[in-house]
Amino acid sequence: MTLSLSVLAALLQVVLIDVTLAGDNAVVIGLAVRGLPRAQQRRAILAGVVAAALIRVALALVAVQLLAIIGLTLAGGILLLWVCWKMYRELRRPEHADHGRAAGPKALRAAIVRIVVADLSMSLDNVLAVAGAAGRHMGVLIAGLAISVLMMAVAASLIARLLERYRWIAWVGLLIVLGVAVELIVKGGGEVWRSVV
């Protein structure tokens, strides 16, 4: 398969978009798996990344149609706000409450659900940007989504380890995710307002 200059340019754009936009998703995943034992962290990250890949492929297939849905960005922001609330409640628990007790399947399931909900609400910007940069090159679109998910998994593992060592980073991460939620709510609220007025 020969790569034309336009395909390489589109791939470079997609990689740059992925580097820019995958960070907030990685922070959410790192926060969600923070209290789990290392083996369960890997399982939760793997499950979250697989779900993220499926979500992103599904969103990419209908990206243009999604742009026409008024209120979708607002709904994503509200979902992300719910994720922030759950994380805030976890962070408020004393640190010693996380240690000394093994996280069961319920904690693992809760972490995976938070990852999936957050990724669903935060992926739309990434998917639309990647779809726009990829243009007609479906292979570039698929490669871009794969790169995005892979980068998210690697970064989430690193962030989870940092969060275990330095609890204050979790609060910074929560503020980052809260900022994204507020941005989505404001942007989505504006879209709804303009469609009503």
Protein backbone atom coordinates (compact mmCIF):
# COMPACT_ATOMS: atom_id res chain seq x y z
CA MET A 1 0.00 0.00 0.00
CA THR A 2 1.46 3.32 -0.99
CA LEU A 3 0.86 6.32 1.20
CA SER A 4 0.15 9.56 -0.58
CA LEU A 5 1.16 12.93 0.81
CA SER A 6 -2.47 13.75 1.64
CA VAL A 7 -2.84 10.51 3.65
CA LEU A 8 0.39 11.20 5.56
CA ALA A 9 -0.69 14.80 6.24
CA ALA A 10 -4.07 13.60 7.48
CA LEU A 11 -2.41 10.98 9.70
CA LEU A 12 -0.06 13.60 11.16
CA GLN A 13 -3.03 15.87 11.91
CA VAL A 14 -4.88 12.98 13.55
CA VAL A 15 -1.89 12.09 15.75
CA LEU A 16 -1.50 15.73 16.85
CA ILE A 17 -5.21 15.92 17.68
CA ASP A 18 -4.94 12.67 19.66
CA VAL A 19 -1.96 13.97 21.65
CA THR A 20 -3.88 17.14 22.45
CA LEU A 21 -7.26 15.63 23.34
CA ALA A 22 -6.44 12.24 24.94
CA GLY A 23 -5.03 13.75 28.14
CA ASP A 24 -8.33 14.56 29.86
CA ASN A 25 -9.65 11.06 29.17
CA ALA A 26 -6.49 9.56 30.66
CA VAL A 27 -6.95 11.67 33.80
CA VAL A 28 -10.52 10.36 34.21
CA ILE A 29 -9.35 6.76 33.84
CA GLY A 30 -6.49 7.31 36.28
CA LEU A 31 -8.88 8.81 38.83
CA ALA A 32 -11.41 6.02 38.37
CA VAL A 33 -8.90 3.21 39.01
CA ARG A 34 -6.93 5.00 41.72
CA GLY A 35 -8.29 3.02 44.69
CA LEU A 36 -8.14 -0.41 43.06
CA PRO A 37 -5.35 -2.95 43.61
CA ARG A 38 -2.82 -2.97 40.75
CA ALA A 39 -4.20 -6.18 39.15
CA GLN A 40 -7.72 -4.75 39.13
CA GLN A 41 -6.39 -1.43 37.83
CA ARG A 42 -5.05 -3.23 34.77
CA ARG A 43 -8.38 -5.02 34.26
CA ALA A 44 -10.37 -1.80 34.66
CA ILE A 45 -8.06 0.11 32.30
CA LEU A 46 -8.25 -2.71 29.73
CA ALA A 47 -12.04 -2.88 29.97
CA GLY A 48 -12.28 0.91 29.81
CA VAL A 49 -9.97 1.10 26.80
CA VAL A 50 -11.87 -1.62 24.94
CA ALA A 51 -15.14 0.18 25.69
CA ALA A 52 -13.55 3.47 24.60
CA ALA A 53 -12.47 1.92 21.32
CA LEU A 54 -15.97 0.59 20.64
CA ILE A 55 -17.57 3.91 21.61
CA ARG A 56 -15.21 5.87 19.39
CA VAL A 57 -15.73 3.61 16.39
CA ALA A 58 -19.51 3.86 16.82
CA LEU A 59 -19.32 7.64 17.20
CA ALA A 60 -17.02 7.93 14.19
CA LEU A 61 -19.47 6.02 12.02
CA VAL A 62 -22.21 8.53 12.78
CA ALA A 63 -20.07 11.65 13.46
CA VAL A 64 -21.78 13.88 10.91
CA GLN A 65 -25.26 12.91 12.06
CA LEU A 66 -24.25 13.53 15.70
CA LEU A 67 -23.40 17.13 14.88
CA ALA A 68 -27.06 17.69 14.00
CA ILE A 69 -28.34 16.56 17.42
CA ILE A 70 -28.96 19.67 19.49
CA GLY A 71 -28.28 19.09 23.17
CA LEU A 72 -25.90 16.17 22.81
CA THR A 73 -22.93 18.21 24.04
CA LEU A 74 -25.01 19.46 26.98
CA ALA A 75 -26.00 15.90 27.89
CA GLY A 76 -22.35 14.83 27.70
CA GLY A 77 -21.38 17.64 30.05
CA ILE A 78 -24.07 16.67 32.54
CA LEU A 79 -22.93 13.03 32.41
CA LEU A 80 -19.36 14.14 33.02
CA LEU A 81 -20.52 16.29 35.94
CA TRP A 82 -22.01 13.12 37.48
CA VAL A 83 -18.63 11.40 37.06
CA CYS A 84 -16.98 14.36 38.80
CA TRP A 85 -19.42 14.08 41.70
CA LYS A 86 -18.66 10.37 42.14
CA MET A 87 -14.90 11.06 42.05
CA TYR A 88 -15.26 13.94 44.50
CA ARG A 89 -17.07 11.68 46.96
CA GLU A 90 -14.28 9.11 46.65
CA LEU A 91 -11.54 11.70 47.15
CA ARG A 92 -13.26 13.03 50.28
CA ARG A 93 -12.93 9.62 51.93
CA PRO A 94 -9.93 9.51 54.25
CA GLU A 95 -6.83 8.12 52.51
CA HIS A 96 -6.47 5.26 54.98
CA ALA A 97 -9.98 4.08 54.05
CA ASP A 98 -8.63 3.12 50.62
CA HIS A 99 -5.86 0.97 52.04
CA GLY A 100 -6.40 -2.07 54.21
CA ARG A 101 -9.44 -3.33 52.35
CA ALA A 102 -9.42 -5.22 49.12
CA ALA A 103 -11.51 -3.80 46.34
CA GLY A 104 -14.11 -6.31 45.26
CA PRO A 105 -15.84 -6.87 41.96
CA LYS A 106 -18.31 -4.12 42.82
CA ALA A 107 -15.49 -1.54 43.03
CA LEU A 108 -14.01 -2.83 39.78
CA ARG A 109 -17.40 -2.62 38.07
CA ALA A 110 -17.97 0.90 39.42
CA ALA A 111 -14.58 2.03 38.09
CA ILE A 112 -15.33 0.57 34.65
CA VAL A 113 -18.77 2.23 34.55
CA ARG A 114 -17.21 5.60 35.44
CA ILE A 115 -14.59 5.17 32.71
CA VAL A 116 -17.22 4.28 30.10
CA VAL A 117 -19.59 7.12 31.06
CA ALA A 118 -16.76 9.66 31.13
CA ASP A 119 -15.34 8.45 27.84
CA LEU A 120 -18.76 8.55 26.22
CA SER A 121 -19.26 12.14 27.32
CA MET A 122 -15.71 13.27 26.47
CA SER A 123 -15.06 11.34 23.25
CA LEU A 124 -17.26 13.33 20.95
CA ASP A 125 -14.77 16.18 20.57
CA ASN A 126 -11.94 13.75 19.82
CA VAL A 127 -13.96 11.71 17.34
CA LEU A 128 -15.25 14.77 15.47
CA ALA A 129 -11.79 16.33 15.31
CA VAL A 130 -10.21 13.09 14.11
CA ALA A 131 -13.02 12.50 11.58
CA GLY A 132 -12.59 16.04 10.26
CA ALA A 133 -8.81 15.68 9.94
CA ALA A 134 -9.04 12.23 8.36
CA GLY A 135 -11.43 13.45 5.69
CA ARG A 136 -12.22 10.68 3.20
CA HIS A 137 -9.39 8.45 4.43
CA MET A 138 -11.19 5.76 6.45
CA GLY A 139 -7.89 3.99 7.22
CA VAL A 140 -6.52 7.21 8.73
CA LEU A 141 -9.69 7.58 10.81
CA ILE A 142 -9.36 4.04 12.17
CA ALA A 143 -5.62 4.48 12.80
CA GLY A 144 -6.30 7.78 14.57
CA LEU A 145 -8.90 6.27 16.84
CA ALA A 146 -6.60 3.33 17.63
CA ILE A 147 -3.71 5.69 18.44
CA SER A 148 -5.99 7.75 20.66
CA VAL A 149 -7.16 4.75 22.66
CA LEU A 150 -3.64 3.34 22.99
CA MET A 151 -2.25 6.68 24.19
CA MET A 152 -5.11 6.95 26.67
CA ALA A 153 -4.35 3.50 28.12
CA VAL A 154 -0.63 4.18 28.54
CA ALA A 155 -1.20 7.62 30.05
CA ALA A 156 -3.93 6.30 32.39
CA SER A 157 -1.57 3.67 33.84
CA LEU A 158 1.08 6.30 34.51
CA ILE A 159 -1.46 8.71 35.99
CA ALA A 160 -2.93 5.98 38.25
CA ARG A 161 0.56 5.26 39.67
CA LEU A 162 1.17 8.96 40.27
CA LEU A 163 -2.20 9.29 41.99
CA GLU A 164 -1.31 6.47 44.37
CA ARG A 165 1.88 8.26 45.41
CA TYR A 166 0.69 11.85 45.40
CA ARG A 167 -2.94 12.19 46.45
CA TRP A 168 -3.03 15.95 45.71
CA ILE A 169 -2.68 15.19 42.01
CA ALA A 170 -6.11 13.54 42.16
CA TRP A 171 -7.63 16.88 43.16
CA VAL A 172 -5.88 18.61 40.26
CA GLY A 173 -7.16 15.88 37.94
CA LEU A 174 -10.68 16.30 39.28
CA LEU A 175 -10.49 20.05 38.57
CA ILE A 176 -9.36 19.31 35.00
CA VAL A 177 -12.29 16.94 34.43
CA LEU A 178 -14.68 19.41 36.08
CA GLY A 179 -13.39 22.11 33.72
CA VAL A 180 -14.14 19.87 30.73
CA ALA A 181 -17.64 19.16 32.11
CA VAL A 182 -18.35 22.88 32.57
CA GLU A 183 -17.01 23.62 29.08
CA LEU A 184 -19.31 20.98 27.56
CA ILE A 185 -22.31 22.28 29.53
CA VAL A 186 -21.67 25.90 28.50
CA LYS A 187 -21.07 24.95 24.86
CA GLY A 188 -24.07 22.58 24.77
CA GLY A 189 -26.27 25.05 26.63
CA GLY A 190 -25.37 27.69 24.05
CA GLU A 191 -26.32 25.32 21.23
CA VAL A 192 -29.68 24.58 22.86
CA TRP A 193 -30.29 28.28 23.54
CA ARG A 194 -29.54 29.26 19.92
CA SER A 195 -31.88 26.57 18.62
CA VAL A 196 -34.71 27.72 20.90
CA VAL A 197 -34.35 31.46 20.31
